[in-house]
Amino acid sequence: MIRSDAATRLGLLKAITAVSAVADVTHDPSEFTPGARVQARVEAQLAGGGFRVVVADTPMQMRLPPGIRPGTTLELMFIGGKPRPTFVLLNPPAPTGSNALLSPAARLLVTLAQDAGTNAVTTPPYQATPVLEKPPGDTGEFGTRLQQAFSQSGLFYESHQAQWLTGRRTLEQLLREPQGRLSKMAPQGKPDAAPAAPPPGKPDVADSTALSQAIARAEAASAEAPANPERLFPKEALPLVQQQLATLDTGQMLWRGEVWPGQTLDWQVDSEPPEQDDSEEPLRWRSRLRLTMPLLGQVTALLVIDARGVRIAVGAASASAVETLRGGQASLIQAMRGSGLNVSGIEVQRDDDA
């Protein structure tokens, strides 16, 4: 669930729209570049709740969030000029008392988070496409492919969109993720068909027109979205969005799918900050795996990675599997050290819940 302080911060995100430019306009506001930051001064409150605001020498009438008074200096970011000039307010007033208002986007996130709690979303959507076509012979390749599967699970989709906007990720890469495959730009026909790569030498960066159009569509749907999330998200994407919110709340990243045909894996990754806030010690990472193997049965493995190296705890549901795993400890330690990893400890024990 979204914590109350996070919900309050989400409420501070406000989009403000210039309803009209008044008669003494000095230049066309559409000359602003999307993403540009501009200073504005609130001159007066008008009848009907609007405000007269001067934006970079351009007088405009705007709707502003509660708490803003004449004489206030605003910091705005211009995000689009069609159908009307639209800005984002970067320095909204701090909420007072307990009557803070949530923006439509914040209300939408709260609705989705509440649905996630009601539906007890504890596992991510199942990835049916195997990571490998057969059991691995090359552990290095297996690790790389598993990392790619986690990265392209949809959990980090918005972060990857930001990388696409700056040219550090291609459209082809975005369309490989679950949300991208729901796009109208995704290739039709065979499900595994790969999108065409961008022309060489031309970074695949979204242009300002496409960005402003997307923002306009989102604004048009935002009023209805809190009550009807499917206005903004395809039905197939809602479990992913709820899983993303659960990840933000718990700090746990989850993946579940087939690693090769017939072999499923549940994978959880989370981090633990240093015990002291001012400590320079790096984060401690935990990676927990659960799988059912043909000969060993149900097995769990917990890897804790910190500055001292890797500590491993393995659990198996049967006594025979425990003995088999203990017999392979030395080989596992040797293989991990051969890969440059310092194994600081390893333990194998019976675990009926494995």
Protein backbone atom coordinates (compact mmCIF):
# COMPACT_ATOMS: atom_id res chain seq x y z
CA MET A 1 0.00 0.00 0.00
CA ILE A 2 1.09 3.64 -0.47
CA ARG A 3 2.12 5.14 2.86
CA SER A 4 0.35 8.31 3.99
CA ASP A 5 3.46 10.49 3.63
CA ALA A 6 3.98 9.23 0.07
CA ALA A 7 0.35 9.93 -0.77
CA THR A 8 0.76 13.49 0.54
CA ARG A 9 3.82 14.03 -1.66
CA LEU A 10 1.99 12.68 -4.68
CA GLY A 11 -0.69 15.27 -4.05
CA LEU A 12 1.85 18.03 -4.60
CA LEU A 13 2.23 17.14 -8.28
CA LYS A 14 0.01 19.67 -10.05
CA ALA A 15 -0.50 20.38 -13.72
CA ILE A 16 -1.69 23.92 -14.46
CA THR A 17 -3.19 24.99 -17.74
CA ALA A 18 -3.29 28.47 -19.25
CA VAL A 19 -6.98 29.00 -19.98
CA SER A 20 -6.27 31.97 -22.17
CA ALA A 21 -3.72 34.69 -22.79
CA VAL A 22 -4.97 38.18 -22.04
CA ALA A 23 -4.93 41.05 -24.47
CA ASP A 24 -1.48 42.47 -23.73
CA VAL A 25 0.44 39.33 -24.69
CA THR A 26 3.99 40.20 -25.77
CA HIS A 27 4.83 36.96 -27.59
CA ASP A 28 3.35 33.60 -28.48
CA PRO A 29 3.62 31.18 -25.49
CA SER A 30 3.96 28.31 -27.96
CA GLU A 31 7.53 29.53 -28.52
CA PHE A 32 8.50 27.92 -25.23
CA THR A 33 10.49 24.69 -25.59
CA PRO A 34 8.93 21.61 -23.93
CA GLY A 35 10.87 20.89 -20.75
CA ALA A 36 12.00 24.50 -20.31
CA ARG A 37 11.75 25.98 -16.81
CA VAL A 38 10.28 29.46 -16.55
CA GLN A 39 9.59 31.90 -13.74
CA ALA A 40 6.08 33.29 -13.27
CA ARG A 41 4.49 35.83 -10.92
CA VAL A 42 0.92 35.69 -9.67
CA GLU A 43 -0.52 39.21 -10.07
CA ALA A 44 -4.17 38.88 -9.09
CA GLN A 45 -7.00 36.46 -8.41
CA LEU A 46 -9.83 36.72 -10.90
CA ALA A 47 -13.54 36.11 -10.64
CA GLY A 48 -14.38 32.43 -11.03
CA GLY A 49 -11.29 31.18 -9.19
CA GLY A 50 -8.66 31.83 -11.88
CA PHE A 51 -5.49 33.88 -11.57
CA ARG A 52 -3.70 36.45 -13.68
CA VAL A 53 -0.12 35.20 -14.02
CA VAL A 54 2.82 36.71 -15.92
CA VAL A 55 4.94 33.94 -17.44
CA ALA A 56 8.20 35.18 -18.96
CA ASP A 57 6.61 38.57 -19.80
CA THR A 58 3.46 36.86 -21.14
CA PRO A 59 0.26 37.62 -19.15
CA MET A 60 -2.01 34.57 -18.85
CA GLN A 61 -5.07 33.41 -17.00
CA MET A 62 -4.51 30.16 -15.12
CA ARG A 63 -6.15 27.75 -12.73
CA LEU A 64 -3.81 27.20 -9.78
CA PRO A 65 -3.89 24.77 -6.84
CA PRO A 66 -5.16 25.93 -3.44
CA GLY A 67 -2.85 27.94 -1.22
CA ILE A 68 -1.41 30.30 -3.85
CA ARG A 69 -1.84 34.03 -3.28
CA PRO A 70 -1.17 37.16 -5.40
CA GLY A 71 2.50 38.14 -5.21
CA THR A 72 3.69 34.51 -5.22
CA THR A 73 6.57 33.59 -7.53
CA LEU A 74 6.09 30.28 -9.32
CA GLU A 75 8.57 27.95 -10.95
CA LEU A 76 6.98 26.25 -13.95
CA MET A 77 8.01 23.69 -16.53
CA PHE A 78 6.49 24.03 -19.99
CA ILE A 79 5.30 20.63 -21.28
CA GLY A 80 3.18 21.44 -24.33
CA GLY A 81 1.42 24.12 -26.33
CA LYS A 82 -1.48 22.19 -27.92
CA PRO A 83 -4.39 22.44 -27.58
CA ARG A 84 -3.49 24.99 -24.88
CA PRO A 85 -0.19 25.99 -23.23
CA THR A 86 0.34 23.60 -20.31
CA PHE A 87 2.83 23.80 -17.46
CA VAL A 88 3.80 21.77 -14.42
CA LEU A 89 4.10 23.66 -11.14
CA LEU A 90 7.50 22.74 -9.63
CA ASN A 91 7.17 24.59 -6.30
CA PRO A 92 3.61 23.95 -5.07
CA PRO A 93 2.62 25.35 -1.65
CA ALA A 94 3.08 22.99 1.28
CA PRO A 95 -0.22 21.41 2.42
CA THR A 96 -1.64 22.84 5.64
CA GLY A 97 -3.56 20.89 8.23
CA SER A 98 -5.17 17.62 7.20
CA ASN A 99 -7.10 18.95 4.21
CA ALA A 100 -4.44 18.32 1.56
CA LEU A 101 -5.93 17.58 -1.86
CA LEU A 102 -4.65 14.77 -4.04
CA SER A 103 -4.24 15.33 -7.74
CA PRO A 104 -6.02 12.92 -10.15
CA ALA A 105 -2.72 11.09 -10.69
CA ALA A 106 -2.24 10.61 -6.95
CA ARG A 107 -5.85 9.44 -6.49
CA LEU A 108 -5.32 6.94 -9.30
CA LEU A 109 -2.22 5.53 -7.60
CA VAL A 110 -4.05 5.25 -4.28
CA THR A 111 -6.92 3.38 -6.00
CA LEU A 112 -4.53 0.97 -7.67
CA ALA A 113 -2.61 0.39 -4.43
CA GLN A 114 -5.84 -0.28 -2.54
CA ASP A 115 -6.90 -2.77 -5.22
CA ALA A 116 -3.52 -4.46 -4.93
CA GLY A 117 -3.98 -4.85 -1.17
CA THR A 118 -7.55 -6.08 -1.56
CA ASN A 119 -6.54 -8.65 -4.15
CA ALA A 120 -3.49 -9.71 -2.10
CA VAL A 121 -1.01 -9.33 -4.94
CA THR A 122 2.01 -11.17 -3.53
CA THR A 123 3.53 -12.62 -6.72
CA PRO A 124 4.26 -11.01 -10.07
CA PRO A 125 2.51 -12.01 -13.28
CA TYR A 126 3.85 -15.35 -14.53
CA GLN A 127 6.31 -15.21 -17.44
CA ALA A 128 5.50 -18.22 -19.59
CA THR A 129 8.28 -17.73 -22.16
CA PRO A 130 11.32 -19.73 -20.95
CA VAL A 131 14.55 -17.83 -20.37
CA LEU A 132 16.51 -20.64 -22.07
CA GLU A 133 15.45 -23.18 -24.66
CA LYS A 134 17.06 -26.03 -22.65
CA PRO A 135 18.92 -26.55 -19.34
CA PRO A 136 22.05 -24.37 -19.27
CA GLY A 137 25.49 -25.61 -20.21
CA ASP A 138 27.06 -22.18 -19.78
CA THR A 139 26.34 -20.61 -16.40
CA GLY A 140 27.62 -17.24 -17.59
CA GLU A 141 25.09 -17.09 -20.40
CA PHE A 142 22.35 -18.30 -18.04
CA GLY A 143 23.10 -15.49 -15.59
CA THR A 144 23.02 -12.90 -18.37
CA ARG A 145 19.74 -14.19 -19.79
CA LEU A 146 18.14 -14.33 -16.34
CA GLN A 147 19.24 -10.75 -15.67
CA GLN A 148 17.67 -9.68 -18.97
CA ALA A 149 14.43 -11.45 -18.09
CA PHE A 150 14.24 -9.59 -14.76
CA SER A 151 15.11 -6.27 -16.39
CA GLN A 152 12.47 -6.73 -19.13
CA SER A 153 9.76 -8.03 -16.79
CA GLY A 154 7.92 -4.67 -16.89
CA LEU A 155 8.84 -3.83 -13.31
CA PHE A 156 11.21 -1.07 -14.46
CA TYR A 157 9.23 0.08 -17.51
CA GLU A 158 8.88 3.76 -16.54
CA SER A 159 12.59 3.99 -15.75
CA HIS A 160 13.31 2.52 -19.17
CA GLN A 161 10.96 5.07 -20.77
CA ALA A 162 13.03 7.85 -19.19
CA GLN A 163 16.15 6.26 -20.67
CA TRP A 164 14.42 6.12 -24.06
CA LEU A 165 13.62 9.85 -23.88
CA THR A 166 17.31 10.61 -23.41
CA GLY A 167 18.43 8.23 -26.16
CA ARG A 168 19.95 5.60 -23.84
CA ARG A 169 17.39 2.95 -24.77
CA THR A 170 15.72 2.15 -28.10
CA LEU A 171 12.06 1.82 -28.95
CA GLU A 172 12.76 -1.78 -29.88
CA GLN A 173 13.87 -2.50 -26.33
CA LEU A 174 10.74 -0.87 -24.87
CA LEU A 175 8.43 -2.89 -27.12
CA ARG A 176 9.95 -6.12 -25.81
CA GLU A 177 8.57 -5.46 -22.33
CA PRO A 178 5.01 -6.52 -21.34
CA GLN A 179 3.66 -2.96 -21.42
CA GLY A 180 5.36 -2.34 -24.77
CA ARG A 181 3.78 -5.45 -26.28
CA LEU A 182 0.37 -3.93 -25.50
CA SER A 183 1.24 -0.84 -27.58
CA LYS A 184 -0.24 -0.25 -31.01
CA MET A 185 3.36 0.16 -32.19
CA ALA A 186 4.18 -3.44 -31.28
CA PRO A 187 4.63 -5.67 -34.36
CA GLN A 188 1.67 -7.82 -35.35
CA GLY A 189 1.84 -11.47 -36.30
CA LYS A 190 4.17 -13.82 -34.50
CA PRO A 191 4.30 -13.07 -30.75
CA ASP A 192 8.09 -13.34 -30.71
CA ALA A 193 8.65 -11.08 -33.70
CA ALA A 194 11.18 -8.38 -32.86
CA PRO A 195 10.46 -4.72 -33.67
CA ALA A 196 12.63 -3.10 -36.29
CA ALA A 197 15.72 -1.36 -34.96
CA PRO A 198 16.00 2.43 -35.34
CA PRO A 199 18.00 3.75 -38.30
CA PRO A 200 21.76 3.75 -37.62
CA GLY A 201 23.16 7.03 -36.40
CA LYS A 202 19.76 8.37 -35.29
CA PRO A 203 19.02 8.03 -31.58
CA ASP A 204 15.48 6.85 -30.93
CA VAL A 205 14.33 9.81 -28.84
CA ALA A 206 10.73 10.94 -28.43
CA ASP A 207 10.03 14.31 -30.02
CA SER A 208 8.29 17.13 -28.16
CA THR A 209 5.11 16.86 -30.26
CA ALA A 210 4.58 13.20 -29.36
CA LEU A 211 5.30 13.99 -25.72
CA SER A 212 2.84 16.88 -25.54
CA GLN A 213 0.15 14.82 -27.29
CA ALA A 214 0.63 11.98 -24.80
CA ILE A 215 0.34 14.45 -21.91
CA ALA A 216 -2.83 15.95 -23.39
CA ARG A 217 -4.41 12.48 -23.70
CA ALA A 218 -3.45 11.65 -20.12
CA GLU A 219 -4.95 14.92 -18.87
CA ALA A 220 -8.20 14.27 -20.73
CA ALA A 221 -8.55 10.86 -19.07
CA SER A 222 -7.24 11.80 -15.62
CA ALA A 223 -10.55 13.13 -14.26
CA GLU A 224 -12.24 9.76 -14.76
CA ALA A 225 -9.18 7.62 -14.06
CA PRO A 226 -9.39 7.40 -10.24
CA ALA A 227 -12.77 5.67 -10.51
CA ASN A 228 -11.92 3.75 -13.66
CA PRO A 229 -8.17 2.88 -13.93
CA GLU A 230 -8.76 1.04 -17.21
CA ARG A 231 -9.22 4.45 -18.85
CA LEU A 232 -5.43 4.86 -18.59
CA PHE A 233 -4.21 1.26 -18.37
CA PRO A 234 -5.14 -1.75 -20.49
CA LYS A 235 -6.72 -4.46 -18.37
CA GLU A 236 -3.73 -6.72 -19.04
CA ALA A 237 -1.36 -4.12 -17.56
CA LEU A 238 -3.16 -3.57 -14.24
CA PRO A 239 -1.49 -6.53 -12.42
CA LEU A 240 1.91 -5.17 -13.49
CA VAL A 241 1.08 -1.66 -12.26
CA GLN A 242 -0.11 -3.06 -8.93
CA GLN A 243 3.06 -5.13 -8.66
CA GLN A 244 5.14 -2.00 -9.28
CA LEU A 245 3.31 -0.20 -6.45
CA ALA A 246 3.86 -3.19 -4.16
CA THR A 247 7.57 -3.05 -5.01
CA LEU A 248 7.74 0.64 -4.11
CA ASP A 249 6.00 -0.07 -0.80
CA THR A 250 7.92 -3.18 0.29
CA GLY A 251 11.24 -2.68 -1.49
CA GLN A 252 11.04 -6.27 -2.77
CA MET A 253 11.48 -7.04 -6.47
CA LEU A 254 9.81 -10.26 -7.61
CA TRP A 255 10.05 -12.40 -10.72
CA ARG A 256 8.31 -15.70 -11.51
CA GLY A 257 8.52 -17.76 -14.66
CA GLU A 258 10.15 -20.60 -16.56
CA VAL A 259 13.93 -20.62 -16.68
CA TRP A 260 13.86 -23.48 -19.21
CA PRO A 261 10.91 -25.58 -20.42
CA GLY A 262 9.25 -27.27 -17.46
CA GLN A 263 11.44 -25.62 -14.81
CA THR A 264 9.83 -22.72 -12.91
CA LEU A 265 11.56 -20.26 -10.62
CA ASP A 266 10.38 -17.77 -8.01
CA TRP A 267 12.98 -15.04 -7.50
CA GLN A 268 12.94 -12.23 -4.94
CA VAL A 269 15.53 -9.47 -4.59
CA ASP A 270 15.63 -6.80 -1.90
CA SER A 271 18.15 -4.62 -0.11
CA GLU A 272 18.96 -3.75 3.47
CA PRO A 273 20.51 -0.37 4.31
CA PRO A 274 23.45 -0.08 6.75
CA GLU A 275 22.55 -0.20 10.44
CA GLN A 276 23.81 3.37 10.87
CA ASP A 277 22.47 6.09 8.57
CA ASP A 278 25.85 7.85 8.34
CA SER A 279 27.73 4.64 7.59
CA GLU A 280 29.68 4.43 4.34
CA GLU A 281 29.06 0.67 4.21
CA PRO A 282 27.28 -0.31 0.97
CA LEU A 283 23.80 -1.80 0.87
CA ARG A 284 23.37 -5.45 1.73
CA TRP A 285 21.53 -7.30 -1.03
CA ARG A 286 19.46 -10.45 -0.60
CA SER A 287 18.51 -12.74 -3.46
CA ARG A 288 16.08 -15.55 -2.62
CA LEU A 289 15.33 -18.36 -5.09
CA ARG A 290 12.69 -21.09 -4.85
CA LEU A 291 12.32 -23.92 -7.35
CA THR A 292 11.32 -27.58 -7.63
CA MET A 293 13.98 -29.71 -9.32
CA PRO A 294 13.52 -33.17 -10.89
CA LEU A 295 15.91 -35.01 -8.51
CA LEU A 296 16.21 -32.73 -5.49
CA GLY A 297 12.58 -31.72 -5.16
CA GLN A 298 11.75 -28.37 -3.57
CA VAL A 299 14.82 -26.23 -2.91
CA THR A 300 15.30 -22.68 -1.64
CA ALA A 301 18.50 -20.65 -1.76
CA LEU A 302 19.22 -17.35 -0.03
CA LEU A 303 22.27 -15.34 -1.12
CA VAL A 304 23.27 -12.35 1.03
CA ILE A 305 25.78 -10.05 -0.65
CA ASP A 306 27.67 -7.41 1.32
CA ALA A 307 31.16 -5.95 1.61
CA ARG A 308 32.51 -9.22 3.04
CA GLY A 309 31.34 -11.34 0.13
CA VAL A 310 28.50 -13.80 -0.43
CA ARG A 311 26.82 -15.89 2.24
CA ILE A 312 24.63 -18.76 1.06
CA ALA A 313 21.87 -20.63 2.87
CA VAL A 314 20.27 -23.57 1.05
CA GLY A 315 17.21 -25.48 2.22
CA ALA A 316 15.69 -28.70 0.87
CA ALA A 317 12.47 -30.49 1.74
CA SER A 318 13.95 -34.01 1.84
CA ALA A 319 16.84 -35.48 3.83
CA SER A 320 18.33 -37.13 0.74
CA ALA A 321 18.40 -33.81 -1.09
CA VAL A 322 20.17 -32.19 1.87
CA GLU A 323 22.89 -34.85 1.76
CA THR A 324 23.30 -34.44 -2.01
CA LEU A 325 23.59 -30.66 -1.69
CA ARG A 326 26.10 -30.91 1.16
CA GLY A 327 28.21 -33.19 -1.00
CA GLY A 328 28.38 -30.47 -3.64
CA GLN A 329 29.29 -27.57 -1.34
CA ALA A 330 33.00 -27.67 -2.12
CA SER A 331 32.39 -27.63 -5.87
CA LEU A 332 29.98 -24.70 -5.53
CA ILE A 333 32.45 -22.66 -3.48
CA GLN A 334 35.23 -23.38 -5.96
CA ALA A 335 33.07 -22.39 -8.93
CA MET A 336 31.94 -19.13 -7.31
CA ARG A 337 35.47 -18.18 -6.29
CA GLY A 338 36.58 -18.97 -9.83
CA SER A 339 34.07 -16.35 -10.98
CA GLY A 340 35.64 -13.76 -8.68
CA LEU A 341 33.13 -14.08 -5.82
CA ASN A 342 34.28 -14.38 -2.21
CA VAL A 343 32.09 -16.96 -0.45
CA SER A 344 32.13 -15.93 3.22
CA GLY A 345 29.86 -18.76 4.38
CA ILE A 346 27.58 -21.55 3.22
CA GLU A 347 24.96 -23.61 5.02
CA VAL A 348 22.73 -26.45 3.85
CA GLN A 349 19.88 -27.66 6.04
CA ARG A 350 16.52 -29.39 6.04
CA ASP A 351 13.64 -27.02 5.37
CA ASP A 352 10.15 -28.51 5.29
CA ASP A 353 8.83 -25.23 3.86
CA ALA A 354 11.32 -25.19 0.97
